[in-house]
Amino acid sequence: MFTPDFSPSAEQNKQPILTRLLQLLPAQGTALEIASGTGQHAASFASHLPGWTWQPTDTHSNAFASINHYAQQAGASNVLAPQQLDVCAERWLAQAPGTDAPPNFDLIFCANMLHIAPWTACTGLMRGSARHLAPGGVLVTYGPYLEQEVPTAPSNLGFDASLRAHNPAWGVRWREDVQAQAQLAGLCLAQRHTMPANNLLLVWAQPAAAHKLAL
């Protein structure tokens, strides 16, 4: 009998994230999820955003069965078949038939990836998002961050140390460093939301859209 992967953190944070997405997003659109992992987020968000088409992706194709399981369990027919995606690749997804343009998305969503990937993944995420965001679209990232003018929670300091002990290329990222990579790619930080368990939800967009979101 198939047993899907399960993430306790995804189960805990899916409702707080969904609350923010419902406030941020219009009724309809197309979403690309980076590093979908177990698929719990995709199933939850797509089932509560029926006007959205949700494209899950992951670096590892062995995650696909779990992603499909949760989507089917939630009755989320608007979740597309998962695709393999390397965030550092110059081309993320196949071009649409009959066009030379890369596919565009109204939302690119990435949770809990930056701290368990090398720094090149942050650069790749920002560059790829800039290529694939539709006009007015947003990139939403979620996870733990360090910030220069905000005291760091002891739990995040301990988490950072444990990550670096496991892999020196990993670690909780400075929000300012991530922001600098976004700016190099042509994206601006439009919104910053504090979330449970000392996490942040950050909204990134092209300058014109970022200005409207910040109003």
C-alpha atoms as a PDB file:
ATOM      1  CA  MET A   1       0.000   0.000   0.000  1.00  0.00           C
ATOM      2  CA  PHE A   2       1.325   3.416  -0.973  1.00  0.00           C
ATOM      3  CA  THR A   3       2.235   5.722   1.900  1.00  0.00           C
ATOM      4  CA  PRO A   4       2.661   9.389   0.912  1.00  0.00           C
ATOM      5  CA  ASP A   5       5.445  11.520   2.304  1.00  0.00           C
ATOM      6  CA  PHE A   6       4.388  13.750   5.173  1.00  0.00           C
ATOM      7  CA  SER A   7       5.841  17.017   6.449  1.00  0.00           C
ATOM      8  CA  PRO A   8       4.722  18.132   9.937  1.00  0.00           C
ATOM      9  CA  SER A   9       5.874  21.677   9.217  1.00  0.00           C
ATOM     10  CA  ALA A  10       3.865  21.853   5.970  1.00  0.00           C
ATOM     11  CA  GLU A  11       0.813  20.609   7.844  1.00  0.00           C
ATOM     12  CA  GLN A  12       1.271  23.305  10.496  1.00  0.00           C
ATOM     13  CA  ASN A  13       1.998  26.228   8.197  1.00  0.00           C
ATOM     14  CA  LYS A  14      -0.367  25.568   5.291  1.00  0.00           C
ATOM     15  CA  GLN A  15      -3.296  27.425   6.888  1.00  0.00           C
ATOM     16  CA  PRO A  16      -1.349  30.588   7.852  1.00  0.00           C
ATOM     17  CA  ILE A  17       0.177  30.704   4.373  1.00  0.00           C
ATOM     18  CA  LEU A  18      -3.210  30.128   2.730  1.00  0.00           C
ATOM     19  CA  THR A  19      -4.684  32.998   4.713  1.00  0.00           C
ATOM     20  CA  ARG A  20      -2.068  35.348   3.258  1.00  0.00           C
ATOM     21  CA  LEU A  21      -2.485  33.979  -0.261  1.00  0.00           C
ATOM     22  CA  LEU A  22      -6.240  34.523  -0.138  1.00  0.00           C
ATOM     23  CA  GLN A  23      -5.634  38.146   0.852  1.00  0.00           C
ATOM     24  CA  LEU A  24      -2.997  38.671  -1.827  1.00  0.00           C
ATOM     25  CA  LEU A  25      -4.263  36.875  -4.917  1.00  0.00           C
ATOM     26  CA  PRO A  26      -7.134  37.556  -7.320  1.00  0.00           C
ATOM     27  CA  ALA A  27      -9.819  34.937  -7.896  1.00  0.00           C
ATOM     28  CA  GLN A  28      -8.140  33.437 -10.972  1.00  0.00           C
ATOM     29  CA  GLY A  29      -4.627  32.831 -12.168  1.00  0.00           C
ATOM     30  CA  THR A  30      -1.830  30.371 -12.842  1.00  0.00           C
ATOM     31  CA  ALA A  31       0.656  29.283 -10.195  1.00  0.00           C
ATOM     32  CA  LEU A  32       4.037  27.597 -10.366  1.00  0.00           C
ATOM     33  CA  GLU A  33       5.258  25.977  -7.164  1.00  0.00           C
ATOM     34  CA  ILE A  34       8.998  25.469  -6.750  1.00  0.00           C
ATOM     35  CA  ALA A  35      10.170  22.555  -4.573  1.00  0.00           C
ATOM     36  CA  SER A  36       6.692  21.160  -3.924  1.00  0.00           C
ATOM     37  CA  GLY A  37       8.099  18.372  -1.743  1.00  0.00           C
ATOM     38  CA  THR A  38       5.356  16.220  -0.261  1.00  0.00           C
ATOM     39  CA  GLY A  39       2.580  18.050  -2.135  1.00  0.00           C
ATOM     40  CA  GLN A  40       0.639  19.055   0.980  1.00  0.00           C
ATOM     41  CA  HIS A  41       0.841  22.745   0.098  1.00  0.00           C
ATOM     42  CA  ALA A  42      -0.219  22.253  -3.514  1.00  0.00           C
ATOM     43  CA  ALA A  43      -3.284  20.242  -2.520  1.00  0.00           C
ATOM     44  CA  SER A  44      -4.366  22.661   0.201  1.00  0.00           C
ATOM     45  CA  PHE A  45      -3.852  25.880  -1.733  1.00  0.00           C
ATOM     46  CA  ALA A  46      -5.307  24.649  -5.017  1.00  0.00           C
ATOM     47  CA  SER A  47      -8.407  23.256  -3.318  1.00  0.00           C
ATOM     48  CA  HIS A  48      -9.061  26.661  -1.712  1.00  0.00           C
ATOM     49  CA  LEU A  49      -8.232  28.593  -4.902  1.00  0.00           C
ATOM     50  CA  PRO A  50     -10.500  26.846  -7.439  1.00  0.00           C
ATOM     51  CA  GLY A  51      -9.983  29.580 -10.032  1.00  0.00           C
ATOM     52  CA  TRP A  52      -6.260  28.895 -10.102  1.00  0.00           C
ATOM     53  CA  THR A  53      -4.290  26.333 -12.068  1.00  0.00           C
ATOM     54  CA  TRP A  54      -1.463  24.992  -9.904  1.00  0.00           C
ATOM     55  CA  GLN A  55       1.724  23.560 -11.420  1.00  0.00           C
ATOM     56  CA  PRO A  56       3.778  21.649  -8.820  1.00  0.00           C
ATOM     57  CA  THR A  57       7.456  20.947  -9.460  1.00  0.00           C
ATOM     58  CA  ASP A  58      10.346  19.355  -7.645  1.00  0.00           C
ATOM     59  CA  THR A  59      13.985  18.553  -8.297  1.00  0.00           C
ATOM     60  CA  HIS A  60      13.333  14.893  -7.504  1.00  0.00           C
ATOM     61  CA  SER A  61      10.802  12.918  -9.519  1.00  0.00           C
ATOM     62  CA  ASN A  62      10.346  10.490  -6.615  1.00  0.00           C
ATOM     63  CA  ALA A  63       8.253  13.225  -4.975  1.00  0.00           C
ATOM     64  CA  PHE A  64       5.622  13.035  -7.712  1.00  0.00           C
ATOM     65  CA  ALA A  65       3.615  10.135  -6.281  1.00  0.00           C
ATOM     66  CA  SER A  66       3.120  11.948  -2.990  1.00  0.00           C
ATOM     67  CA  ILE A  67       2.185  15.206  -4.765  1.00  0.00           C
ATOM     68  CA  ASN A  68      -0.422  13.374  -6.858  1.00  0.00           C
ATOM     69  CA  HIS A  69      -1.767  11.548  -3.796  1.00  0.00           C
ATOM     70  CA  TYR A  70      -2.525  14.696  -1.807  1.00  0.00           C
ATOM     71  CA  ALA A  71      -4.060  16.448  -4.813  1.00  0.00           C
ATOM     72  CA  GLN A  72      -6.374  13.496  -5.441  1.00  0.00           C
ATOM     73  CA  GLN A  73      -7.223  13.215  -1.760  1.00  0.00           C
ATOM     74  CA  ALA A  74      -8.203  16.904  -1.675  1.00  0.00           C
ATOM     75  CA  GLY A  75     -10.199  16.640  -4.904  1.00  0.00           C
ATOM     76  CA  ALA A  76      -8.003  19.373  -6.384  1.00  0.00           C
ATOM     77  CA  SER A  77      -8.475  18.762 -10.099  1.00  0.00           C
ATOM     78  CA  ASN A  78      -6.758  22.111 -10.784  1.00  0.00           C
ATOM     79  CA  VAL A  79      -3.389  20.640  -9.745  1.00  0.00           C
ATOM     80  CA  LEU A  80      -1.480  19.704 -12.890  1.00  0.00           C
ATOM     81  CA  ALA A  81       0.826  16.712 -13.210  1.00  0.00           C
ATOM     82  CA  PRO A  82       4.084  17.530 -11.398  1.00  0.00           C
ATOM     83  CA  GLN A  83       7.155  18.345 -13.441  1.00  0.00           C
ATOM     84  CA  GLN A  84      10.841  18.060 -12.672  1.00  0.00           C
ATOM     85  CA  LEU A  85      12.529  21.440 -12.291  1.00  0.00           C
ATOM     86  CA  ASP A  86      16.040  22.466 -11.325  1.00  0.00           C
ATOM     87  CA  VAL A  87      15.804  26.011 -10.015  1.00  0.00           C
ATOM     88  CA  CYS A  88      19.375  26.742 -11.175  1.00  0.00           C
ATOM     89  CA  ALA A  89      18.697  25.725 -14.777  1.00  0.00           C
ATOM     90  CA  GLU A  90      18.600  28.402 -17.468  1.00  0.00           C
ATOM     91  CA  ARG A  91      15.323  26.940 -18.761  1.00  0.00           C
ATOM     92  CA  TRP A  92      12.742  25.867 -16.216  1.00  0.00           C
ATOM     93  CA  LEU A  93       9.842  24.485 -18.256  1.00  0.00           C
ATOM     94  CA  ALA A  94       9.124  23.553 -21.842  1.00  0.00           C
ATOM     95  CA  GLN A  95       7.843  26.322 -24.052  1.00  0.00           C
ATOM     96  CA  ALA A  96       4.161  26.350 -24.899  1.00  0.00           C
ATOM     97  CA  PRO A  97       3.351  24.763 -28.293  1.00  0.00           C
ATOM     98  CA  GLY A  98       3.533  27.249 -31.131  1.00  0.00           C
ATOM     99  CA  THR A  99       5.464  29.896 -29.220  1.00  0.00           C
ATOM    100  CA  ASP A 100       9.077  30.772 -28.491  1.00  0.00           C
ATOM    101  CA  ALA A 101       8.182  32.473 -25.218  1.00  0.00           C
ATOM    102  CA  PRO A 102       8.631  30.750 -21.844  1.00  0.00           C
ATOM    103  CA  PRO A 103       5.422  30.058 -19.878  1.00  0.00           C
ATOM    104  CA  ASN A 104       4.377  32.885 -17.567  1.00  0.00           C
ATOM    105  CA  PHE A 105       2.707  32.600 -14.171  1.00  0.00           C
ATOM    106  CA  ASP A 106       0.701  34.980 -12.005  1.00  0.00           C
ATOM    107  CA  LEU A 107       2.193  33.399  -8.889  1.00  0.00           C
ATOM    108  CA  ILE A 108       5.470  31.615  -8.249  1.00  0.00           C
ATOM    109  CA  PHE A 109       5.488  30.045  -4.785  1.00  0.00           C
ATOM    110  CA  CYS A 110       8.498  28.644  -2.957  1.00  0.00           C
ATOM    111  CA  ALA A 111       8.447  27.519   0.673  1.00  0.00           C
ATOM    112  CA  ASN A 112      11.271  26.248   2.859  1.00  0.00           C
ATOM    113  CA  MET A 113      13.817  25.784   0.095  1.00  0.00           C
ATOM    114  CA  LEU A 114      16.426  28.505   0.451  1.00  0.00           C
ATOM    115  CA  HIS A 115      17.869  27.253   3.732  1.00  0.00           C
ATOM    116  CA  ILE A 116      18.266  23.640   2.565  1.00  0.00           C
ATOM    117  CA  ALA A 117      19.916  24.430  -0.765  1.00  0.00           C
ATOM    118  CA  PRO A 118      23.172  26.077  -1.796  1.00  0.00           C
ATOM    119  CA  TRP A 119      23.205  29.845  -2.300  1.00  0.00           C
ATOM    120  CA  THR A 120      23.113  29.355  -6.068  1.00  0.00           C
ATOM    121  CA  ALA A 121      19.502  28.198  -5.613  1.00  0.00           C
ATOM    122  CA  CYS A 122      18.560  31.675  -4.387  1.00  0.00           C
ATOM    123  CA  THR A 123      20.183  33.251  -7.428  1.00  0.00           C
ATOM    124  CA  GLY A 124      18.431  30.750  -9.684  1.00  0.00           C
ATOM    125  CA  LEU A 125      15.065  31.321  -8.022  1.00  0.00           C
ATOM    126  CA  MET A 126      15.211  35.069  -8.527  1.00  0.00           C
ATOM    127  CA  ARG A 127      16.468  34.933 -12.102  1.00  0.00           C
ATOM    128  CA  GLY A 128      13.988  32.250 -13.094  1.00  0.00           C
ATOM    129  CA  SER A 129      11.098  34.043 -11.427  1.00  0.00           C
ATOM    130  CA  ALA A 130      11.957  37.243 -13.271  1.00  0.00           C
ATOM    131  CA  ARG A 131      11.808  35.272 -16.544  1.00  0.00           C
ATOM    132  CA  HIS A 132       8.535  33.510 -15.797  1.00  0.00           C
ATOM    133  CA  LEU A 133       6.391  36.042 -13.916  1.00  0.00           C
ATOM    134  CA  ALA A 134       3.489  37.437 -15.908  1.00  0.00           C
ATOM    135  CA  PRO A 135       3.030  41.225 -15.814  1.00  0.00           C
ATOM    136  CA  GLY A 136       1.719  42.032 -12.353  1.00  0.00           C
ATOM    137  CA  GLY A 137       2.643  38.576 -11.064  1.00  0.00           C
ATOM    138  CA  VAL A 138       4.289  37.879  -7.717  1.00  0.00           C
ATOM    139  CA  LEU A 139       6.899  35.559  -6.267  1.00  0.00           C
ATOM    140  CA  VAL A 140       6.049  34.432  -2.729  1.00  0.00           C
ATOM    141  CA  THR A 141       8.751  32.898  -0.556  1.00  0.00           C
ATOM    142  CA  TYR A 142       8.195  31.445   2.893  1.00  0.00           C
ATOM    143  CA  GLY A 143      10.582  30.230   5.557  1.00  0.00           C
ATOM    144  CA  PRO A 144      13.024  31.307   8.266  1.00  0.00           C
ATOM    145  CA  TYR A 145      15.260  34.325   7.693  1.00  0.00           C
ATOM    146  CA  LEU A 146      17.848  36.336   9.557  1.00  0.00           C
ATOM    147  CA  GLU A 147      17.428  40.124   9.456  1.00  0.00           C
ATOM    148  CA  GLN A 148      19.979  42.782  10.323  1.00  0.00           C
ATOM    149  CA  GLU A 149      17.708  45.015  12.404  1.00  0.00           C
ATOM    150  CA  VAL A 150      15.500  42.298  13.902  1.00  0.00           C
ATOM    151  CA  PRO A 151      16.643  40.167  16.858  1.00  0.00           C
ATOM    152  CA  THR A 152      16.998  36.548  15.789  1.00  0.00           C
ATOM    153  CA  ALA A 153      14.943  33.989  17.688  1.00  0.00           C
ATOM    154  CA  PRO A 154      17.115  31.429  19.519  1.00  0.00           C
ATOM    155  CA  SER A 155      15.278  28.659  17.672  1.00  0.00           C
ATOM    156  CA  ASN A 156      16.365  30.081  14.319  1.00  0.00           C
ATOM    157  CA  LEU A 157      19.961  30.414  15.504  1.00  0.00           C
ATOM    158  CA  GLY A 158      19.933  26.793  16.609  1.00  0.00           C
ATOM    159  CA  PHE A 159      18.304  25.724  13.364  1.00  0.00           C
ATOM    160  CA  ASP A 160      20.933  27.597  11.352  1.00  0.00           C
ATOM    161  CA  ALA A 161      23.749  25.907  13.278  1.00  0.00           C
ATOM    162  CA  SER A 162      22.237  22.462  12.758  1.00  0.00           C
ATOM    163  CA  LEU A 163      21.801  23.056   9.035  1.00  0.00           C
ATOM    164  CA  ARG A 164      25.412  24.179   8.586  1.00  0.00           C
ATOM    165  CA  ALA A 165      26.655  21.210  10.588  1.00  0.00           C
ATOM    166  CA  HIS A 166      24.735  18.915   8.230  1.00  0.00           C
ATOM    167  CA  ASN A 167      25.860  20.727   5.073  1.00  0.00           C
ATOM    168  CA  PRO A 168      28.116  23.824   5.066  1.00  0.00           C
ATOM    169  CA  ALA A 169      26.356  25.091   1.923  1.00  0.00           C
ATOM    170  CA  TRP A 170      23.028  25.270   3.765  1.00  0.00           C
ATOM    171  CA  GLY A 171      21.831  27.725   6.379  1.00  0.00           C
ATOM    172  CA  VAL A 172      19.151  30.266   7.268  1.00  0.00           C
ATOM    173  CA  ARG A 173      19.608  33.152   4.825  1.00  0.00           C
ATOM    174  CA  TRP A 174      19.855  36.846   5.567  1.00  0.00           C
ATOM    175  CA  ARG A 175      16.769  38.521   4.171  1.00  0.00           C
ATOM    176  CA  GLU A 176      18.909  41.427   2.983  1.00  0.00           C
ATOM    177  CA  ASP A 177      21.128  39.077   0.946  1.00  0.00           C
ATOM    178  CA  VAL A 178      18.071  37.489  -0.664  1.00  0.00           C
ATOM    179  CA  GLN A 179      16.725  40.953  -1.399  1.00  0.00           C
ATOM    180  CA  ALA A 180      19.989  41.918  -3.096  1.00  0.00           C
ATOM    181  CA  GLN A 181      19.732  38.877  -5.389  1.00  0.00           C
ATOM    182  CA  ALA A 182      16.134  39.780  -6.180  1.00  0.00           C
ATOM    183  CA  GLN A 183      17.145  43.322  -7.122  1.00  0.00           C
ATOM    184  CA  LEU A 184      19.869  42.018  -9.425  1.00  0.00           C
ATOM    185  CA  ALA A 185      17.172  40.005 -11.195  1.00  0.00           C
ATOM    186  CA  GLY A 186      14.845  43.005 -11.443  1.00  0.00           C
ATOM    187  CA  LEU A 187      12.481  42.129  -8.574  1.00  0.00           C
ATOM    188  CA  CYS A 188      11.582  44.223  -5.528  1.00  0.00           C
ATOM    189  CA  LEU A 189      10.413  43.258  -2.053  1.00  0.00           C
ATOM    190  CA  ALA A 190       6.788  44.409  -2.000  1.00  0.00           C
ATOM    191  CA  GLN A 191       5.496  42.927   1.277  1.00  0.00           C
ATOM    192  CA  ARG A 192       6.941  41.363   4.431  1.00  0.00           C
ATOM    193  CA  HIS A 193       4.690  39.356   6.741  1.00  0.00           C
ATOM    194  CA  THR A 194       5.692  37.800  10.047  1.00  0.00           C
ATOM    195  CA  MET A 195       4.389  34.267  10.391  1.00  0.00           C
ATOM    196  CA  PRO A 196       4.137  31.642  13.155  1.00  0.00           C
ATOM    197  CA  ALA A 197       7.252  29.800  14.368  1.00  0.00           C
ATOM    198  CA  ASN A 198       9.544  32.750  13.529  1.00  0.00           C
ATOM    199  CA  ASN A 199       9.063  32.500   9.775  1.00  0.00           C
ATOM    200  CA  LEU A 200       8.499  35.218   7.185  1.00  0.00           C
ATOM    201  CA  LEU A 201       6.307  35.333   4.096  1.00  0.00           C
ATOM    202  CA  LEU A 202       7.866  37.673   1.534  1.00  0.00           C
ATOM    203  CA  VAL A 203       6.207  38.973  -1.622  1.00  0.00           C
ATOM    204  CA  TRP A 204       8.437  39.929  -4.555  1.00  0.00           C
ATOM    205  CA  ALA A 205       7.389  41.592  -7.794  1.00  0.00           C
ATOM    206  CA  GLN A 206       8.550  43.675 -10.708  1.00  0.00           C
ATOM    207  CA  PRO A 207       8.908  47.377  -9.744  1.00  0.00           C
ATOM    208  CA  ALA A 208       5.554  48.598 -11.062  1.00  0.00           C
ATOM    209  CA  ALA A 209       3.622  45.780  -9.420  1.00  0.00           C
ATOM    210  CA  ALA A 210       5.658  46.074  -6.216  1.00  0.00           C
ATOM    211  CA  HIS A 211       4.734  49.735  -5.918  1.00  0.00           C
ATOM    212  CA  LYS A 212       1.018  48.930  -6.158  1.00  0.00           C
ATOM    213  CA  LEU A 213       1.291  46.077  -3.644  1.00  0.00           C
ATOM    214  CA  ALA A 214       3.101  48.282  -1.152  1.00  0.00           C
ATOM    215  CA  LEU A 215       0.343  50.945  -1.190  1.00  0.00           C
END
